[in-house]
Amino acid sequence: MKKGVLLFIILLALKTNAQTFGGGFVLGIPQGEFKAKVNNLGYGIQLQGTIFSPSALRPITIGLNAGYMIYGDETSSRPLSETIPDVYVNVNRTNNIANLHLLFQVSPFMGNVRPYCEGLFGAAYLFTTTKVESENSGTGVFESTNFDDFTWSYGFGGGLLIKLKENLGSVNTLFLDIKARYIFGTEAEYLKEGSVRIINGHAVYDVLKSKTDLLTISIGAVAYF
């Protein structure tokens, strides 16, 4: 809960002070050592803002990029306890990556279609959570973070901005944003699907360790103010 509130505050500040702001849906494809241990396709969202809009006279801008991705998800139905075996709950376990990067973007073209390139530097937080929910209502009852770790991350990417609309109230121009990034993640410890086993009533964690490189592909929208 505290992590979500902190991320919300960061993104609210980003939106309030940005001259461009956008986001979209993102897919994550593990690479290198990470791919050898995790072969799931991740999915999530990313949001970003820059301190000014690129122009022909000033094509370079900086800002922040924040993202959240699920790279593993397991759900099972289990008895509430040994003494209450006739009441079942849903147990949902997710493997997650949250990241925050300083963003450097170069966008020298000013037409309706604008190629750009960018670099990123920051950190990622890998964590696995388990939530117990009511089987009928889906309401969360208990939630716990099973395992977590931080890692530095950096990368590069590029994309296309395609103009959709101009003069939308406070938004000068709205663009469709299609991009790909390669993110290098330093070594971290983490869990994946199947890494948590219950043996004689105790949770046993099969912890993995590797670099955490990702290729991400995203589609969304960016507003220039």
C-alpha atoms as a PDB file:
ATOM      1  CA  MET A   1       0.000   0.000   0.000  1.00  0.00           C
ATOM      2  CA  LYS A   2       2.786   2.427   0.943  1.00  0.00           C
ATOM      3  CA  LYS A   3       4.613   1.665  -2.319  1.00  0.00           C
ATOM      4  CA  GLY A   4       1.465   2.460  -4.309  1.00  0.00           C
ATOM      5  CA  VAL A   5       0.925   5.763  -2.481  1.00  0.00           C
ATOM      6  CA  LEU A   6       4.554   6.788  -3.081  1.00  0.00           C
ATOM      7  CA  LEU A   7       4.299   5.972  -6.793  1.00  0.00           C
ATOM      8  CA  PHE A   8       1.041   7.923  -7.034  1.00  0.00           C
ATOM      9  CA  ILE A   9       2.668  10.994  -5.421  1.00  0.00           C
ATOM     10  CA  ILE A  10       5.618  10.818  -7.836  1.00  0.00           C
ATOM     11  CA  LEU A  11       3.318  10.555 -10.855  1.00  0.00           C
ATOM     12  CA  LEU A  12       1.058  13.359  -9.623  1.00  0.00           C
ATOM     13  CA  ALA A  13       4.079  15.657  -9.284  1.00  0.00           C
ATOM     14  CA  LEU A  14       5.247  14.559 -12.719  1.00  0.00           C
ATOM     15  CA  LYS A  15       1.873  15.349 -14.298  1.00  0.00           C
ATOM     16  CA  THR A  16       1.567  18.728 -12.526  1.00  0.00           C
ATOM     17  CA  ASN A  17       4.955  20.026 -13.659  1.00  0.00           C
ATOM     18  CA  ALA A  18       5.330  18.376 -17.060  1.00  0.00           C
ATOM     19  CA  GLN A  19       5.170  20.022 -20.477  1.00  0.00           C
ATOM     20  CA  THR A  20       4.606  16.610 -22.061  1.00  0.00           C
ATOM     21  CA  PHE A  21       2.818  13.787 -20.319  1.00  0.00           C
ATOM     22  CA  GLY A  22       1.755  10.375 -21.519  1.00  0.00           C
ATOM     23  CA  GLY A  23       1.665   6.669 -20.991  1.00  0.00           C
ATOM     24  CA  GLY A  24       0.474   3.402 -22.340  1.00  0.00           C
ATOM     25  CA  PHE A  25       0.323  -0.360 -22.261  1.00  0.00           C
ATOM     26  CA  VAL A  26       3.673  -2.160 -22.233  1.00  0.00           C
ATOM     27  CA  LEU A  27       4.848  -5.709 -22.943  1.00  0.00           C
ATOM     28  CA  GLY A  28       8.121  -6.983 -21.462  1.00  0.00           C
ATOM     29  CA  ILE A  29      10.214  -9.736 -23.043  1.00  0.00           C
ATOM     30  CA  PRO A  30      12.987 -11.133 -20.771  1.00  0.00           C
ATOM     31  CA  GLN A  31      16.444 -11.151 -22.337  1.00  0.00           C
ATOM     32  CA  GLY A  32      19.780 -12.870 -21.671  1.00  0.00           C
ATOM     33  CA  GLU A  33      20.171 -14.448 -18.212  1.00  0.00           C
ATOM     34  CA  PHE A  34      16.689 -13.299 -17.238  1.00  0.00           C
ATOM     35  CA  LYS A  35      15.148 -15.107 -20.221  1.00  0.00           C
ATOM     36  CA  ALA A  36      16.995 -18.321 -19.277  1.00  0.00           C
ATOM     37  CA  LYS A  37      15.155 -18.311 -15.934  1.00  0.00           C
ATOM     38  CA  VAL A  38      11.874 -16.529 -16.759  1.00  0.00           C
ATOM     39  CA  ASN A  39      10.233 -17.246 -20.096  1.00  0.00           C
ATOM     40  CA  ASN A  40       6.950 -15.419 -19.375  1.00  0.00           C
ATOM     41  CA  LEU A  41       5.824 -12.389 -21.346  1.00  0.00           C
ATOM     42  CA  GLY A  42       5.349  -9.502 -18.904  1.00  0.00           C
ATOM     43  CA  TYR A  43       2.616  -6.890 -19.183  1.00  0.00           C
ATOM     44  CA  GLY A  44       1.825  -3.601 -17.485  1.00  0.00           C
ATOM     45  CA  ILE A  45       1.743   0.168 -17.852  1.00  0.00           C
ATOM     46  CA  GLN A  46       4.226   3.005 -18.129  1.00  0.00           C
ATOM     47  CA  LEU A  47       3.848   6.768 -17.563  1.00  0.00           C
ATOM     48  CA  GLN A  48       6.263   9.558 -18.410  1.00  0.00           C
ATOM     49  CA  GLY A  49       6.612  13.326 -18.420  1.00  0.00           C
ATOM     50  CA  THR A  50       9.242  15.807 -19.571  1.00  0.00           C
ATOM     51  CA  ILE A  51      10.033  19.294 -18.314  1.00  0.00           C
ATOM     52  CA  PHE A  52       9.509  20.908 -21.735  1.00  0.00           C
ATOM     53  CA  SER A  53       8.217  19.985 -25.180  1.00  0.00           C
ATOM     54  CA  PRO A  54      10.877  19.238 -27.815  1.00  0.00           C
ATOM     55  CA  SER A  55      11.102  21.800 -30.612  1.00  0.00           C
ATOM     56  CA  ALA A  56      13.258  22.514 -33.660  1.00  0.00           C
ATOM     57  CA  LEU A  57      15.402  24.917 -31.595  1.00  0.00           C
ATOM     58  CA  ARG A  58      15.513  22.656 -28.515  1.00  0.00           C
ATOM     59  CA  PRO A  59      15.105  19.019 -29.601  1.00  0.00           C
ATOM     60  CA  ILE A  60      16.505  17.507 -26.361  1.00  0.00           C
ATOM     61  CA  THR A  61      14.412  17.201 -23.211  1.00  0.00           C
ATOM     62  CA  ILE A  62      14.593  15.366 -19.897  1.00  0.00           C
ATOM     63  CA  GLY A  63      11.981  13.943 -17.564  1.00  0.00           C
ATOM     64  CA  LEU A  64      10.888  10.896 -15.589  1.00  0.00           C
ATOM     65  CA  ASN A  65       9.493   7.535 -16.605  1.00  0.00           C
ATOM     66  CA  ALA A  66       7.690   5.175 -14.209  1.00  0.00           C
ATOM     67  CA  GLY A  67       6.510   1.673 -14.991  1.00  0.00           C
ATOM     68  CA  TYR A  68       4.842  -1.350 -13.457  1.00  0.00           C
ATOM     69  CA  MET A  69       4.825  -4.845 -14.930  1.00  0.00           C
ATOM     70  CA  ILE A  70       3.621  -8.320 -13.928  1.00  0.00           C
ATOM     71  CA  TYR A  71       5.899 -11.105 -15.183  1.00  0.00           C
ATOM     72  CA  GLY A  72       4.230 -14.015 -13.387  1.00  0.00           C
ATOM     73  CA  ASP A  73       0.783 -14.774 -11.984  1.00  0.00           C
ATOM     74  CA  GLU A  74      -0.644 -17.819 -10.181  1.00  0.00           C
ATOM     75  CA  THR A  75      -4.128 -18.342  -8.739  1.00  0.00           C
ATOM     76  CA  SER A  76      -5.451 -21.338  -6.822  1.00  0.00           C
ATOM     77  CA  SER A  77      -8.476 -22.183  -4.683  1.00  0.00           C
ATOM     78  CA  ARG A  78      -7.658 -23.569  -1.217  1.00  0.00           C
ATOM     79  CA  PRO A  79      -9.416 -24.375   2.083  1.00  0.00           C
ATOM     80  CA  LEU A  80      -9.288 -21.484   4.540  1.00  0.00           C
ATOM     81  CA  SER A  81      -7.520 -23.658   7.135  1.00  0.00           C
ATOM     82  CA  GLU A  82      -7.191 -27.239   8.362  1.00  0.00           C
ATOM     83  CA  THR A  83      -9.907 -26.571  10.948  1.00  0.00           C
ATOM     84  CA  ILE A  84     -12.232 -24.848   8.414  1.00  0.00           C
ATOM     85  CA  PRO A  85     -11.791 -27.056   5.330  1.00  0.00           C
ATOM     86  CA  ASP A  86     -15.271 -26.353   3.936  1.00  0.00           C
ATOM     87  CA  VAL A  87     -14.613 -22.630   3.288  1.00  0.00           C
ATOM     88  CA  TYR A  88     -12.473 -21.930   0.232  1.00  0.00           C
ATOM     89  CA  VAL A  89     -10.486 -18.787  -0.657  1.00  0.00           C
ATOM     90  CA  ASN A  90      -8.604 -17.708  -3.764  1.00  0.00           C
ATOM     91  CA  VAL A  91      -4.848 -17.395  -3.319  1.00  0.00           C
ATOM     92  CA  ASN A  92      -3.272 -15.124  -5.928  1.00  0.00           C
ATOM     93  CA  ARG A  93       0.514 -14.727  -6.224  1.00  0.00           C
ATOM     94  CA  THR A  94       2.082 -12.178  -8.593  1.00  0.00           C
ATOM     95  CA  ASN A  95       5.680 -11.490  -9.603  1.00  0.00           C
ATOM     96  CA  ASN A  96       6.136  -7.794 -10.278  1.00  0.00           C
ATOM     97  CA  ILE A  97       8.655  -5.205 -11.483  1.00  0.00           C
ATOM     98  CA  ALA A  98       8.283  -1.487 -10.730  1.00  0.00           C
ATOM     99  CA  ASN A  99      10.817   0.985 -12.077  1.00  0.00           C
ATOM    100  CA  LEU A 100      11.627   4.668 -12.079  1.00  0.00           C
ATOM    101  CA  HIS A 101      14.035   6.178 -14.618  1.00  0.00           C
ATOM    102  CA  LEU A 102      15.488   9.546 -15.484  1.00  0.00           C
ATOM    103  CA  LEU A 103      14.582  10.010 -19.143  1.00  0.00           C
ATOM    104  CA  PHE A 104      16.639  11.757 -21.852  1.00  0.00           C
ATOM    105  CA  GLN A 105      14.816  12.207 -25.155  1.00  0.00           C
ATOM    106  CA  VAL A 106      15.959  13.557 -28.524  1.00  0.00           C
ATOM    107  CA  SER A 107      13.124  14.465 -30.906  1.00  0.00           C
ATOM    108  CA  PRO A 108      14.447  16.674 -33.759  1.00  0.00           C
ATOM    109  CA  PHE A 109      11.562  16.236 -36.209  1.00  0.00           C
ATOM    110  CA  MET A 110       8.490  18.484 -36.194  1.00  0.00           C
ATOM    111  CA  GLY A 111       6.124  16.889 -38.720  1.00  0.00           C
ATOM    112  CA  ASN A 112       2.977  14.836 -38.245  1.00  0.00           C
ATOM    113  CA  VAL A 113       5.171  11.743 -37.787  1.00  0.00           C
ATOM    114  CA  ARG A 114       8.121  12.304 -35.439  1.00  0.00           C
ATOM    115  CA  PRO A 115      10.820   9.654 -34.903  1.00  0.00           C
ATOM    116  CA  TYR A 116      12.738  10.018 -31.634  1.00  0.00           C
ATOM    117  CA  CYS A 117      15.371   8.268 -29.544  1.00  0.00           C
ATOM    118  CA  GLU A 118      15.905   8.168 -25.810  1.00  0.00           C
ATOM    119  CA  GLY A 119      18.110   6.972 -22.968  1.00  0.00           C
ATOM    120  CA  LEU A 120      17.148   5.977 -19.440  1.00  0.00           C
ATOM    121  CA  PHE A 121      18.885   5.545 -16.089  1.00  0.00           C
ATOM    122  CA  GLY A 122      17.357   4.558 -12.778  1.00  0.00           C
ATOM    123  CA  ALA A 123      16.357   1.593 -10.638  1.00  0.00           C
ATOM    124  CA  ALA A 124      13.911  -1.291 -10.564  1.00  0.00           C
ATOM    125  CA  TYR A 125      12.140  -3.024  -7.688  1.00  0.00           C
ATOM    126  CA  LEU A 126      11.326  -6.719  -8.106  1.00  0.00           C
ATOM    127  CA  PHE A 127       8.794  -8.127  -5.663  1.00  0.00           C
ATOM    128  CA  THR A 128       6.453 -11.074  -5.227  1.00  0.00           C
ATOM    129  CA  THR A 129       3.161 -10.685  -3.351  1.00  0.00           C
ATOM    130  CA  THR A 130       0.499 -13.132  -2.240  1.00  0.00           C
ATOM    131  CA  LYS A 131      -3.131 -12.105  -1.686  1.00  0.00           C
ATOM    132  CA  VAL A 132      -5.939 -14.128  -0.134  1.00  0.00           C
ATOM    133  CA  GLU A 133      -9.385 -13.192  -1.481  1.00  0.00           C
ATOM    134  CA  SER A 134     -12.961 -14.240  -0.843  1.00  0.00           C
ATOM    135  CA  GLU A 135     -13.918 -16.857  -3.420  1.00  0.00           C
ATOM    136  CA  ASN A 136     -17.326 -15.253  -4.122  1.00  0.00           C
ATOM    137  CA  SER A 137     -16.718 -11.500  -3.835  1.00  0.00           C
ATOM    138  CA  GLY A 138     -13.056 -11.309  -4.862  1.00  0.00           C
ATOM    139  CA  THR A 139     -12.452  -8.940  -1.950  1.00  0.00           C
ATOM    140  CA  GLY A 140      -8.908  -9.005  -0.587  1.00  0.00           C
ATOM    141  CA  VAL A 141      -8.609 -10.364   2.949  1.00  0.00           C
ATOM    142  CA  PHE A 142      -4.860 -10.659   3.515  1.00  0.00           C
ATOM    143  CA  GLU A 143      -1.837  -9.604   1.461  1.00  0.00           C
ATOM    144  CA  SER A 144       1.885 -10.008   2.029  1.00  0.00           C
ATOM    145  CA  THR A 145       5.145  -9.340   0.177  1.00  0.00           C
ATOM    146  CA  ASN A 146       6.972 -12.661   0.037  1.00  0.00           C
ATOM    147  CA  PHE A 147      10.293 -11.529  -1.424  1.00  0.00           C
ATOM    148  CA  ASP A 148      11.808  -8.367  -2.906  1.00  0.00           C
ATOM    149  CA  ASP A 149      15.040  -6.837  -4.191  1.00  0.00           C
ATOM    150  CA  PHE A 150      16.309  -3.629  -5.822  1.00  0.00           C
ATOM    151  CA  THR A 151      18.500  -3.364  -8.900  1.00  0.00           C
ATOM    152  CA  TRP A 152      19.985  -0.560 -10.997  1.00  0.00           C
ATOM    153  CA  SER A 153      18.735  -0.345 -14.552  1.00  0.00           C
ATOM    154  CA  TYR A 154      19.546   1.668 -17.657  1.00  0.00           C
ATOM    155  CA  GLY A 155      18.780   1.467 -21.334  1.00  0.00           C
ATOM    156  CA  PHE A 156      17.977   3.043 -24.652  1.00  0.00           C
ATOM    157  CA  GLY A 157      15.114   3.070 -27.093  1.00  0.00           C
ATOM    158  CA  GLY A 158      13.266   4.790 -29.856  1.00  0.00           C
ATOM    159  CA  GLY A 159       9.847   5.284 -31.276  1.00  0.00           C
ATOM    160  CA  LEU A 160       7.369   7.212 -33.376  1.00  0.00           C
ATOM    161  CA  LEU A 161       4.975   9.988 -32.434  1.00  0.00           C
ATOM    162  CA  ILE A 162       1.989  10.173 -34.808  1.00  0.00           C
ATOM    163  CA  LYS A 163      -0.157  13.295 -34.556  1.00  0.00           C
ATOM    164  CA  LEU A 164      -3.776  12.586 -33.643  1.00  0.00           C
ATOM    165  CA  LYS A 165      -5.316  15.945 -32.743  1.00  0.00           C
ATOM    166  CA  GLU A 166      -4.480  19.585 -32.022  1.00  0.00           C
ATOM    167  CA  ASN A 167      -5.960  22.258 -29.711  1.00  0.00           C
ATOM    168  CA  LEU A 168      -7.755  20.035 -27.182  1.00  0.00           C
ATOM    169  CA  GLY A 169      -8.265  22.533 -24.373  1.00  0.00           C
ATOM    170  CA  SER A 170      -4.982  22.784 -22.450  1.00  0.00           C
ATOM    171  CA  VAL A 171      -3.414  20.140 -24.731  1.00  0.00           C
ATOM    172  CA  ASN A 172      -1.698  21.694 -27.745  1.00  0.00           C
ATOM    173  CA  THR A 173      -1.105  18.403 -29.571  1.00  0.00           C
ATOM    174  CA  LEU A 174      -2.020  14.786 -28.856  1.00  0.00           C
ATOM    175  CA  PHE A 175       0.181  12.023 -30.318  1.00  0.00           C
ATOM    176  CA  LEU A 176      -0.055   8.272 -30.652  1.00  0.00           C
ATOM    177  CA  ASP A 177       3.204   6.939 -29.168  1.00  0.00           C
ATOM    178  CA  ILE A 178       4.737   3.621 -30.328  1.00  0.00           C
ATOM    179  CA  LYS A 179       8.130   2.675 -28.895  1.00  0.00           C
ATOM    180  CA  ALA A 180      10.603  -0.076 -28.035  1.00  0.00           C
ATOM    181  CA  ARG A 181      13.287  -0.049 -25.350  1.00  0.00           C
ATOM    182  CA  TYR A 182      16.100  -2.329 -24.251  1.00  0.00           C
ATOM    183  CA  ILE A 183      16.577  -2.101 -20.487  1.00  0.00           C
ATOM    184  CA  PHE A 184      19.729  -3.492 -18.880  1.00  0.00           C
ATOM    185  CA  GLY A 185      19.084  -4.634 -15.304  1.00  0.00           C
ATOM    186  CA  THR A 186      21.954  -5.382 -12.945  1.00  0.00           C
ATOM    187  CA  GLU A 187      21.985  -8.605 -10.916  1.00  0.00           C
ATOM    188  CA  ALA A 188      19.041  -9.187  -8.581  1.00  0.00           C
ATOM    189  CA  GLU A 189      17.398 -11.960  -6.580  1.00  0.00           C
ATOM    190  CA  TYR A 190      13.750 -12.700  -7.359  1.00  0.00           C
ATOM    191  CA  LEU A 191      11.006 -15.314  -7.590  1.00  0.00           C
ATOM    192  CA  LYS A 192       9.039 -16.561 -10.589  1.00  0.00           C
ATOM    193  CA  GLU A 193       5.948 -18.710 -11.128  1.00  0.00           C
ATOM    194  CA  GLY A 194       6.424 -21.935  -9.165  1.00  0.00           C
ATOM    195  CA  SER A 195       9.178 -20.501  -6.931  1.00  0.00           C
ATOM    196  CA  VAL A 196       6.997 -20.691  -3.798  1.00  0.00           C
ATOM    197  CA  ARG A 197       6.325 -24.206  -2.510  1.00  0.00           C
ATOM    198  CA  ILE A 198       4.284 -25.178   0.555  1.00  0.00           C
ATOM    199  CA  ILE A 199       5.936 -28.065   2.428  1.00  0.00           C
ATOM    200  CA  ASN A 200       4.475 -29.335   5.713  1.00  0.00           C
ATOM    201  CA  GLY A 201       2.650 -26.066   6.230  1.00  0.00           C
ATOM    202  CA  HIS A 202       5.713 -23.888   5.586  1.00  0.00           C
ATOM    203  CA  ALA A 203       6.537 -21.715   2.571  1.00  0.00           C
ATOM    204  CA  VAL A 204       9.810 -22.553   0.839  1.00  0.00           C
ATOM    205  CA  TYR A 205      11.240 -20.036  -1.645  1.00  0.00           C
ATOM    206  CA  ASP A 206      13.334 -21.150  -4.618  1.00  0.00           C
ATOM    207  CA  VAL A 207      15.196 -17.861  -5.094  1.00  0.00           C
ATOM    208  CA  LEU A 208      16.675 -17.077  -8.518  1.00  0.00           C
ATOM    209  CA  LYS A 209      19.586 -14.738  -9.200  1.00  0.00           C
ATOM    210  CA  SER A 210      20.621 -13.151 -12.500  1.00  0.00           C
ATOM    211  CA  LYS A 211      20.809  -9.949 -14.469  1.00  0.00           C
ATOM    212  CA  THR A 212      17.338  -8.641 -15.322  1.00  0.00           C
ATOM    213  CA  ASP A 213      17.465  -7.384 -18.911  1.00  0.00           C
ATOM    214  CA  LEU A 214      14.154  -6.642 -20.660  1.00  0.00           C
ATOM    215  CA  LEU A 215      13.027  -5.698 -24.146  1.00  0.00           C
ATOM    216  CA  THR A 216       9.853  -3.622 -23.828  1.00  0.00           C
ATOM    217  CA  ILE A 217       7.332  -2.684 -26.491  1.00  0.00           C
ATOM    218  CA  SER A 218       4.608  -0.153 -25.726  1.00  0.00           C
ATOM    219  CA  ILE A 219       1.760   1.738 -27.327  1.00  0.00           C
ATOM    220  CA  GLY A 220      -0.011   4.710 -25.828  1.00  0.00           C
ATOM    221  CA  ALA A 221      -0.504   8.454 -26.121  1.00  0.00           C
ATOM    222  CA  VAL A 222       1.502  11.590 -25.311  1.00  0.00           C
ATOM    223  CA  ALA A 223       0.098  15.089 -24.801  1.00  0.00           C
ATOM    224  CA  TYR A 224       2.119  18.231 -25.538  1.00  0.00           C
ATOM    225  CA  PHE A 225       0.975  21.185 -23.418  1.00  0.00           C
END
